[in-house]
Amino acid sequence: MNKDRTMTFSIHKDKELEIKEVLTSVYDALKEKGYNPINQIVGYILSEDPTYITTYNNARSLIRRLDRDELLQTLVKSYLND
């Protein structure tokens, strides 16, 4: 075992993964309830009004954990990098 090796991790990558997991869960909950998930998520992002997101499967509570600026930055970065 080499003790000189340093473990590194990226807090930024962890945050991006958290955002993706939350958005996926929220998307799935909205779809299961019969909503248009894209329209509802966009409405939430633009207004920050939590009523755009269903309480089903704790989706509203999940999305409110995210910082809106970080969410938007991650979305734009993801769109431009793909």
PDB file of N, CA and C in Angstrom:
ATOM      1  N   MET A   1       0.830  -1.170   0.000  1.00  0.00           N
ATOM      2  CA  MET A   1       0.000   0.000   0.000  1.00  0.00           C
ATOM      3  C   MET A   1       0.881   1.242   0.000  1.00  0.00           C
ATOM      4  N   ASN A   2       0.634   2.178  -0.886  1.00  0.00           N
ATOM      5  CA  ASN A   2       1.404   3.394  -1.000  1.00  0.00           C
ATOM      6  C   ASN A   2       0.753   4.484  -0.159  1.00  0.00           C
ATOM      7  N   LYS A   3       1.397   4.873   0.934  1.00  0.00           N
ATOM      8  CA  LYS A   3       0.840   5.868   1.842  1.00  0.00           C
ATOM      9  C   LYS A   3       0.988   7.287   1.316  1.00  0.00           C
ATOM     10  N   ASP A   4       1.801   7.478   0.296  1.00  0.00           N
ATOM     11  CA  ASP A   4       2.020   8.816  -0.243  1.00  0.00           C
ATOM     12  C   ASP A   4       0.909   9.258  -1.187  1.00  0.00           C
ATOM     13  N   ARG A   5       0.055   8.368  -1.563  1.00  0.00           N
ATOM     14  CA  ARG A   5      -1.029   8.713  -2.486  1.00  0.00           C
ATOM     15  C   ARG A   5      -2.129   9.454  -1.727  1.00  0.00           C
ATOM     16  N   THR A   6      -2.586  10.490  -2.315  1.00  0.00           N
ATOM     17  CA  THR A   6      -3.639  11.293  -1.708  1.00  0.00           C
ATOM     18  C   THR A   6      -4.937  11.038  -2.447  1.00  0.00           C
ATOM     19  N   MET A   7      -5.974  10.774  -1.689  1.00  0.00           N
ATOM     20  CA  MET A   7      -7.296  10.607  -2.284  1.00  0.00           C
ATOM     21  C   MET A   7      -7.842  11.990  -2.611  1.00  0.00           C
ATOM     22  N   THR A   8      -8.376  12.142  -3.793  1.00  0.00           N
ATOM     23  CA  THR A   8      -8.992  13.409  -4.161  1.00  0.00           C
ATOM     24  C   THR A   8     -10.439  13.153  -4.544  1.00  0.00           C
ATOM     25  N   PHE A   9     -11.229  14.159  -4.319  1.00  0.00           N
ATOM     26  CA  PHE A   9     -12.619  14.088  -4.742  1.00  0.00           C
ATOM     27  C   PHE A   9     -13.057  15.487  -5.113  1.00  0.00           C
ATOM     28  N   SER A  10     -14.115  15.569  -5.832  1.00  0.00           N
ATOM     29  CA  SER A  10     -14.602  16.860  -6.293  1.00  0.00           C
ATOM     30  C   SER A  10     -15.949  17.156  -5.656  1.00  0.00           C
ATOM     31  N   ILE A  11     -15.961  18.193  -4.845  1.00  0.00           N
ATOM     32  CA  ILE A  11     -17.228  18.617  -4.245  1.00  0.00           C
ATOM     33  C   ILE A  11     -18.178  19.072  -5.343  1.00  0.00           C
ATOM     34  N   HIS A  12     -17.616  19.707  -6.372  1.00  0.00           N
ATOM     35  CA  HIS A  12     -18.447  20.185  -7.473  1.00  0.00           C
ATOM     36  C   HIS A  12     -19.139  19.021  -8.185  1.00  0.00           C
ATOM     37  N   LYS A  13     -18.397  17.948  -8.439  1.00  0.00           N
ATOM     38  CA  LYS A  13     -18.981  16.773  -9.097  1.00  0.00           C
ATOM     39  C   LYS A  13     -20.047  16.136  -8.206  1.00  0.00           C
ATOM     40  N   ASP A  14     -19.801  16.105  -6.900  1.00  0.00           N
ATOM     41  CA  ASP A  14     -20.789  15.561  -5.972  1.00  0.00           C
ATOM     42  C   ASP A  14     -22.076  16.384  -6.018  1.00  0.00           C
ATOM     43  N   LYS A  15     -21.934  17.704  -6.105  1.00  0.00           N
ATOM     44  CA  LYS A  15     -23.100  18.591  -6.165  1.00  0.00           C
ATOM     45  C   LYS A  15     -23.868  18.362  -7.463  1.00  0.00           C
ATOM     46  N   GLU A  16     -23.146  18.219  -8.561  1.00  0.00           N
ATOM     47  CA  GLU A  16     -23.795  17.963  -9.850  1.00  0.00           C
ATOM     48  C   GLU A  16     -24.564  16.644  -9.814  1.00  0.00           C
ATOM     49  N   LEU A  17     -23.981  15.639  -9.190  1.00  0.00           N
ATOM     50  CA  LEU A  17     -24.651  14.346  -9.064  1.00  0.00           C
ATOM     51  C   LEU A  17     -25.914  14.479  -8.214  1.00  0.00           C
ATOM     52  N   GLU A  18     -25.820  15.224  -7.123  1.00  0.00           N
ATOM     53  CA  GLU A  18     -26.996  15.448  -6.270  1.00  0.00           C
ATOM     54  C   GLU A  18     -28.105  16.149  -7.051  1.00  0.00           C
ATOM     55  N   ILE A  19     -27.750  17.176  -7.822  1.00  0.00           N
ATOM     56  CA  ILE A  19     -28.730  17.910  -8.614  1.00  0.00           C
ATOM     57  C   ILE A  19     -29.394  16.976  -9.621  1.00  0.00           C
ATOM     58  N   LYS A  20     -28.600  16.150 -10.283  1.00  0.00           N
ATOM     59  CA  LYS A  20     -29.150  15.217 -11.265  1.00  0.00           C
ATOM     60  C   LYS A  20     -30.108  14.228 -10.607  1.00  0.00           C
ATOM     61  N   GLU A  21     -29.721  13.702  -9.450  1.00  0.00           N
ATOM     62  CA  GLU A  21     -30.582  12.742  -8.748  1.00  0.00           C
ATOM     63  C   GLU A  21     -31.887  13.392  -8.303  1.00  0.00           C
ATOM     64  N   VAL A  22     -31.816  14.612  -7.797  1.00  0.00           N
ATOM     65  CA  VAL A  22     -33.023  15.321  -7.353  1.00  0.00           C
ATOM     66  C   VAL A  22     -33.922  15.606  -8.548  1.00  0.00           C
ATOM     67  N   LEU A  23     -33.350  16.141  -9.621  1.00  0.00           N
ATOM     68  CA  LEU A  23     -34.167  16.451 -10.806  1.00  0.00           C
ATOM     69  C   LEU A  23     -34.811  15.199 -11.390  1.00  0.00           C
ATOM     70  N   THR A  24     -34.093  14.104 -11.392  1.00  0.00           N
ATOM     71  CA  THR A  24     -34.646  12.856 -11.901  1.00  0.00           C
ATOM     72  C   THR A  24     -35.816  12.390 -11.034  1.00  0.00           C
ATOM     73  N   SER A  25     -35.655  12.467  -9.732  1.00  0.00           N
ATOM     74  CA  SER A  25     -36.733  12.074  -8.820  1.00  0.00           C
ATOM     75  C   SER A  25     -37.947  12.968  -8.977  1.00  0.00           C
ATOM     76  N   VAL A  26     -37.712  14.281  -9.071  1.00  0.00           N
ATOM     77  CA  VAL A  26     -38.811  15.235  -9.236  1.00  0.00           C
ATOM     78  C   VAL A  26     -39.506  14.997 -10.570  1.00  0.00           C
ATOM     79  N   TYR A  27     -38.733  14.813 -11.627  1.00  0.00           N
ATOM     80  CA  TYR A  27     -39.277  14.541 -12.957  1.00  0.00           C
ATOM     81  C   TYR A  27     -40.180  13.302 -12.919  1.00  0.00           C
ATOM     82  N   ASP A  28     -39.676  12.238 -12.318  1.00  0.00           N
ATOM     83  CA  ASP A  28     -40.439  10.990 -12.243  1.00  0.00           C
ATOM     84  C   ASP A  28     -41.740  11.174 -11.462  1.00  0.00           C
ATOM     85  N   ALA A  29     -41.670  11.891 -10.346  1.00  0.00           N
ATOM     86  CA  ALA A  29     -42.867  12.122  -9.533  1.00  0.00           C
ATOM     87  C   ALA A  29     -43.907  12.932 -10.304  1.00  0.00           C
ATOM     88  N   LEU A  30     -43.462  13.963 -11.004  1.00  0.00           N
ATOM     89  CA  LEU A  30     -44.387  14.786 -11.791  1.00  0.00           C
ATOM     90  C   LEU A  30     -45.023  13.962 -12.911  1.00  0.00           C
ATOM     91  N   LYS A  31     -44.221  13.157 -13.575  1.00  0.00           N
ATOM     92  CA  LYS A  31     -44.728  12.322 -14.672  1.00  0.00           C
ATOM     93  C   LYS A  31     -45.752  11.312 -14.156  1.00  0.00           C
ATOM     94  N   GLU A  32     -45.436  10.686 -13.014  1.00  0.00           N
ATOM     95  CA  GLU A  32     -46.360   9.700 -12.433  1.00  0.00           C
ATOM     96  C   GLU A  32     -47.697  10.326 -12.060  1.00  0.00           C
ATOM     97  N   LYS A  33     -47.683  11.603 -11.682  1.00  0.00           N
ATOM     98  CA  LYS A  33     -48.919  12.285 -11.304  1.00  0.00           C
ATOM     99  C   LYS A  33     -49.653  12.874 -12.508  1.00  0.00           C
ATOM    100  N   GLY A  34     -49.087  12.709 -13.705  1.00  0.00           N
ATOM    101  CA  GLY A  34     -49.766  13.148 -14.920  1.00  0.00           C
ATOM    102  C   GLY A  34     -49.457  14.572 -15.358  1.00  0.00           C
ATOM    103  N   TYR A  35     -48.460  15.190 -14.755  1.00  0.00           N
ATOM    104  CA  TYR A  35     -48.067  16.542 -15.143  1.00  0.00           C
ATOM    105  C   TYR A  35     -47.054  16.483 -16.277  1.00  0.00           C
ATOM    106  N   ASN A  36     -46.868  17.617 -16.948  1.00  0.00           N
ATOM    107  CA  ASN A  36     -45.777  17.767 -17.910  1.00  0.00           C
ATOM    108  C   ASN A  36     -44.553  18.176 -17.089  1.00  0.00           C
ATOM    109  N   PRO A  37     -43.633  17.250 -16.830  1.00  0.00           N
ATOM    110  CA  PRO A  37     -42.527  17.530 -15.915  1.00  0.00           C
ATOM    111  C   PRO A  37     -41.626  18.689 -16.339  1.00  0.00           C
ATOM    112  N   ILE A  38     -41.366  18.809 -17.625  1.00  0.00           N
ATOM    113  CA  ILE A  38     -40.492  19.886 -18.097  1.00  0.00           C
ATOM    114  C   ILE A  38     -41.124  21.242 -17.807  1.00  0.00           C
ATOM    115  N   ASN A  39     -42.404  21.401 -18.158  1.00  0.00           N
ATOM    116  CA  ASN A  39     -43.087  22.665 -17.923  1.00  0.00           C
ATOM    117  C   ASN A  39     -43.137  23.001 -16.432  1.00  0.00           C
ATOM    118  N   GLN A  40     -43.391  22.008 -15.607  1.00  0.00           N
ATOM    119  CA  GLN A  40     -43.495  22.243 -14.170  1.00  0.00           C
ATOM    120  C   GLN A  40     -42.144  22.636 -13.569  1.00  0.00           C
ATOM    121  N   ILE A  41     -41.085  21.944 -13.984  1.00  0.00           N
ATOM    122  CA  ILE A  41     -39.749  22.259 -13.460  1.00  0.00           C
ATOM    123  C   ILE A  41     -39.310  23.646 -13.925  1.00  0.00           C
ATOM    124  N   VAL A  42     -39.553  23.976 -15.189  1.00  0.00           N
ATOM    125  CA  VAL A  42     -39.210  25.306 -15.691  1.00  0.00           C
ATOM    126  C   VAL A  42     -39.997  26.371 -14.923  1.00  0.00           C
ATOM    127  N   GLY A  43     -41.272  26.125 -14.694  1.00  0.00           N
ATOM    128  CA  GLY A  43     -42.083  27.070 -13.921  1.00  0.00           C
ATOM    129  C   GLY A  43     -41.508  27.285 -12.537  1.00  0.00           C
ATOM    130  N   TYR A  44     -41.090  26.208 -11.911  1.00  0.00           N
ATOM    131  CA  TYR A  44     -40.478  26.310 -10.586  1.00  0.00           C
ATOM    132  C   TYR A  44     -39.177  27.108 -10.635  1.00  0.00           C
ATOM    133  N   ILE A  45     -38.328  26.802 -11.601  1.00  0.00           N
ATOM    134  CA  ILE A  45     -37.036  27.489 -11.695  1.00  0.00           C
ATOM    135  C   ILE A  45     -37.236  28.983 -11.929  1.00  0.00           C
ATOM    136  N   LEU A  46     -38.158  29.335 -12.814  1.00  0.00           N
ATOM    137  CA  LEU A  46     -38.375  30.751 -13.128  1.00  0.00           C
ATOM    138  C   LEU A  46     -38.990  31.525 -11.968  1.00  0.00           C
ATOM    139  N   SER A  47     -39.908  30.903 -11.256  1.00  0.00           N
ATOM    140  CA  SER A  47     -40.648  31.621 -10.217  1.00  0.00           C
ATOM    141  C   SER A  47     -40.195  31.298  -8.800  1.00  0.00           C
ATOM    142  N   GLU A  48     -39.571  30.165  -8.633  1.00  0.00           N
ATOM    143  CA  GLU A  48     -39.213  29.595  -7.334  1.00  0.00           C
ATOM    144  C   GLU A  48     -40.469  29.363  -6.481  1.00  0.00           C
ATOM    145  N   ASP A  49     -41.592  29.183  -7.158  1.00  0.00           N
ATOM    146  CA  ASP A  49     -42.856  28.882  -6.484  1.00  0.00           C
ATOM    147  C   ASP A  49     -42.955  27.363  -6.327  1.00  0.00           C
ATOM    148  N   PRO A  50     -42.915  26.868  -5.101  1.00  0.00           N
ATOM    149  CA  PRO A  50     -42.891  25.418  -4.883  1.00  0.00           C
ATOM    150  C   PRO A  50     -44.171  24.701  -5.316  1.00  0.00           C
ATOM    151  N   THR A  51     -45.252  25.439  -5.536  1.00  0.00           N
ATOM    152  CA  THR A  51     -46.492  24.768  -5.928  1.00  0.00           C
ATOM    153  C   THR A  51     -46.431  24.198  -7.343  1.00  0.00           C
ATOM    154  N   TYR A  52     -45.407  24.552  -8.103  1.00  0.00           N
ATOM    155  CA  TYR A  52     -45.210  23.924  -9.418  1.00  0.00           C
ATOM    156  C   TYR A  52     -44.821  22.454  -9.272  1.00  0.00           C
ATOM    157  N   ILE A  53     -44.312  22.084  -8.107  1.00  0.00           N
ATOM    158  CA  ILE A  53     -43.806  20.728  -7.885  1.00  0.00           C
ATOM    159  C   ILE A  53     -44.735  19.982  -6.941  1.00  0.00           C
ATOM    160  N   THR A  54     -45.109  18.795  -7.321  1.00  0.00           N
ATOM    161  CA  THR A  54     -45.993  17.973  -6.509  1.00  0.00           C
ATOM    162  C   THR A  54     -45.318  17.557  -5.196  1.00  0.00           C
ATOM    163  N   THR A  55     -46.143  17.296  -4.200  1.00  0.00           N
ATOM    164  CA  THR A  55     -45.613  16.767  -2.942  1.00  0.00           C
ATOM    165  C   THR A  55     -45.455  15.251  -3.015  1.00  0.00           C
ATOM    166  N   TYR A  56     -45.985  14.651  -4.076  1.00  0.00           N
ATOM    167  CA  TYR A  56     -45.909  13.207  -4.275  1.00  0.00           C
ATOM    168  C   TYR A  56     -44.449  12.743  -4.237  1.00  0.00           C
ATOM    169  N   ASN A  57     -44.195  11.665  -3.517  1.00  0.00           N
ATOM    170  CA  ASN A  57     -42.843  11.098  -3.360  1.00  0.00           C
ATOM    171  C   ASN A  57     -41.830  12.123  -2.839  1.00  0.00           C
ATOM    172  N   ASN A  58     -42.325  13.095  -2.073  1.00  0.00           N
ATOM    173  CA  ASN A  58     -41.451  14.090  -1.435  1.00  0.00           C
ATOM    174  C   ASN A  58     -40.723  14.983  -2.439  1.00  0.00           C
ATOM    175  N   ALA A  59     -41.261  15.094  -3.664  1.00  0.00           N
ATOM    176  CA  ALA A  59     -40.577  15.834  -4.731  1.00  0.00           C
ATOM    177  C   ALA A  59     -40.391  17.305  -4.381  1.00  0.00           C
ATOM    178  N   ARG A  60     -41.406  17.935  -3.798  1.00  0.00           N
ATOM    179  CA  ARG A  60     -41.300  19.361  -3.480  1.00  0.00           C
ATOM    180  C   ARG A  60     -40.196  19.607  -2.444  1.00  0.00           C
ATOM    181  N   SER A  61     -40.154  18.775  -1.465  1.00  0.00           N
ATOM    182  CA  SER A  61     -39.118  18.909  -0.430  1.00  0.00           C
ATOM    183  C   SER A  61     -37.724  18.691  -1.020  1.00  0.00           C
ATOM    184  N   LEU A  62     -37.605  17.732  -1.929  1.00  0.00           N
ATOM    185  CA  LEU A  62     -36.315  17.458  -2.563  1.00  0.00           C
ATOM    186  C   LEU A  62     -35.808  18.656  -3.356  1.00  0.00           C
ATOM    187  N   ILE A  63     -36.668  19.217  -4.200  1.00  0.00           N
ATOM    188  CA  ILE A  63     -36.198  20.289  -5.080  1.00  0.00           C
ATOM    189  C   ILE A  63     -35.894  21.558  -4.298  1.00  0.00           C
ATOM    190  N   ARG A  64     -36.551  21.743  -3.176  1.00  0.00           N
ATOM    191  CA  ARG A  64     -36.302  22.944  -2.379  1.00  0.00           C
ATOM    192  C   ARG A  64     -34.957  22.878  -1.661  1.00  0.00           C
ATOM    193  N   ARG A  65     -34.339  21.726  -1.622  1.00  0.00           N
ATOM    194  CA  ARG A  65     -32.997  21.597  -1.040  1.00  0.00           C
ATOM    195  C   ARG A  65     -31.925  22.192  -1.948  1.00  0.00           C
ATOM    196  N   LEU A  66     -32.250  22.316  -3.238  1.00  0.00           N
ATOM    197  CA  LEU A  66     -31.277  22.807  -4.203  1.00  0.00           C
ATOM    198  C   LEU A  66     -31.268  24.326  -4.261  1.00  0.00           C
ATOM    199  N   ASP A  67     -30.082  24.885  -4.393  1.00  0.00           N
ATOM    200  CA  ASP A  67     -29.941  26.313  -4.624  1.00  0.00           C
ATOM    201  C   ASP A  67     -30.256  26.587  -6.094  1.00  0.00           C
ATOM    202  N   ARG A  68     -31.156  27.526  -6.329  1.00  0.00           N
ATOM    203  CA  ARG A  68     -31.603  27.774  -7.701  1.00  0.00           C
ATOM    204  C   ARG A  68     -30.454  28.197  -8.609  1.00  0.00           C
ATOM    205  N   ASP A  69     -29.540  29.025  -8.129  1.00  0.00           N
ATOM    206  CA  ASP A  69     -28.406  29.447  -8.956  1.00  0.00           C
ATOM    207  C   ASP A  69     -27.522  28.266  -9.335  1.00  0.00           C
ATOM    208  N   GLU A  70     -27.252  27.378  -8.378  1.00  0.00           N
ATOM    209  CA  GLU A  70     -26.450  26.184  -8.674  1.00  0.00           C
ATOM    210  C   GLU A  70     -27.172  25.283  -9.661  1.00  0.00           C
ATOM    211  N   LEU A  71     -28.475  25.163  -9.497  1.00  0.00           N
ATOM    212  CA  LEU A  71     -29.281  24.356 -10.409  1.00  0.00           C
ATOM    213  C   LEU A  71     -29.182  24.899 -11.829  1.00  0.00           C
ATOM    214  N   LEU A  72     -29.361  26.193 -11.984  1.00  0.00           N
ATOM    215  CA  LEU A  72     -29.281  26.802 -13.318  1.00  0.00           C
ATOM    216  C   LEU A  72     -27.886  26.673 -13.916  1.00  0.00           C
ATOM    217  N   GLN A  73     -26.856  26.900 -13.112  1.00  0.00           N
ATOM    218  CA  GLN A  73     -25.481  26.765 -13.604  1.00  0.00           C
ATOM    219  C   GLN A  73     -25.216  25.350 -14.090  1.00  0.00           C
ATOM    220  N   THR A  74     -25.668  24.376 -13.327  1.00  0.00           N
ATOM    221  CA  THR A  74     -25.453  22.977 -13.690  1.00  0.00           C
ATOM    222  C   THR A  74     -26.198  22.626 -14.973  1.00  0.00           C
ATOM    223  N   LEU A  75     -27.427  23.110 -15.096  1.00  0.00           N
ATOM    224  CA  LEU A  75     -28.205  22.841 -16.302  1.00  0.00           C
ATOM    225  C   LEU A  75     -27.560  23.452 -17.544  1.00  0.00           C
ATOM    226  N   VAL A  76     -27.142  24.694 -17.437  1.00  0.00           N
ATOM    227  CA  VAL A  76     -26.511  25.365 -18.588  1.00  0.00           C
ATOM    228  C   VAL A  76     -25.196  24.685 -18.941  1.00  0.00           C
ATOM    229  N   LYS A  77     -24.399  24.381 -17.936  1.00  0.00           N
ATOM    230  CA  LYS A  77     -23.120  23.712 -18.171  1.00  0.00           C
ATOM    231  C   LYS A  77     -23.338  22.360 -18.844  1.00  0.00           C
ATOM    232  N   SER A  78     -24.304  21.613 -18.344  1.00  0.00           N
ATOM    233  CA  SER A  78     -24.603  20.306 -18.917  1.00  0.00           C
ATOM    234  C   SER A  78     -25.059  20.426 -20.365  1.00  0.00           C
ATOM    235  N   TYR A  79     -25.889  21.376 -20.641  1.00  0.00           N
ATOM    236  CA  TYR A  79     -26.402  21.567 -21.999  1.00  0.00           C
ATOM    237  C   TYR A  79     -25.282  21.942 -22.962  1.00  0.00           C
ATOM    238  N   LEU A  80     -24.410  22.819 -22.542  1.00  0.00           N
ATOM    239  CA  LEU A  80     -23.335  23.296 -23.428  1.00  0.00           C
ATOM    240  C   LEU A  80     -22.202  22.284 -23.577  1.00  0.00           C
ATOM    241  N   ASN A  81     -22.013  21.419 -22.598  1.00  0.00           N
ATOM    242  CA  ASN A  81     -20.944  20.421 -22.674  1.00  0.00           C
ATOM    243  C   ASN A  81     -21.351  19.183 -23.456  1.00  0.00           C
ATOM    244  N   ASP A  82     -22.616  18.962 -23.659  1.00  0.00           N
ATOM    245  CA  ASP A  82     -23.063  17.745 -24.368  1.00  0.00           C
ATOM    246  C   ASP A  82     -23.221  17.978 -25.838  1.00  0.00           C
TER     247      ASP A  82
END
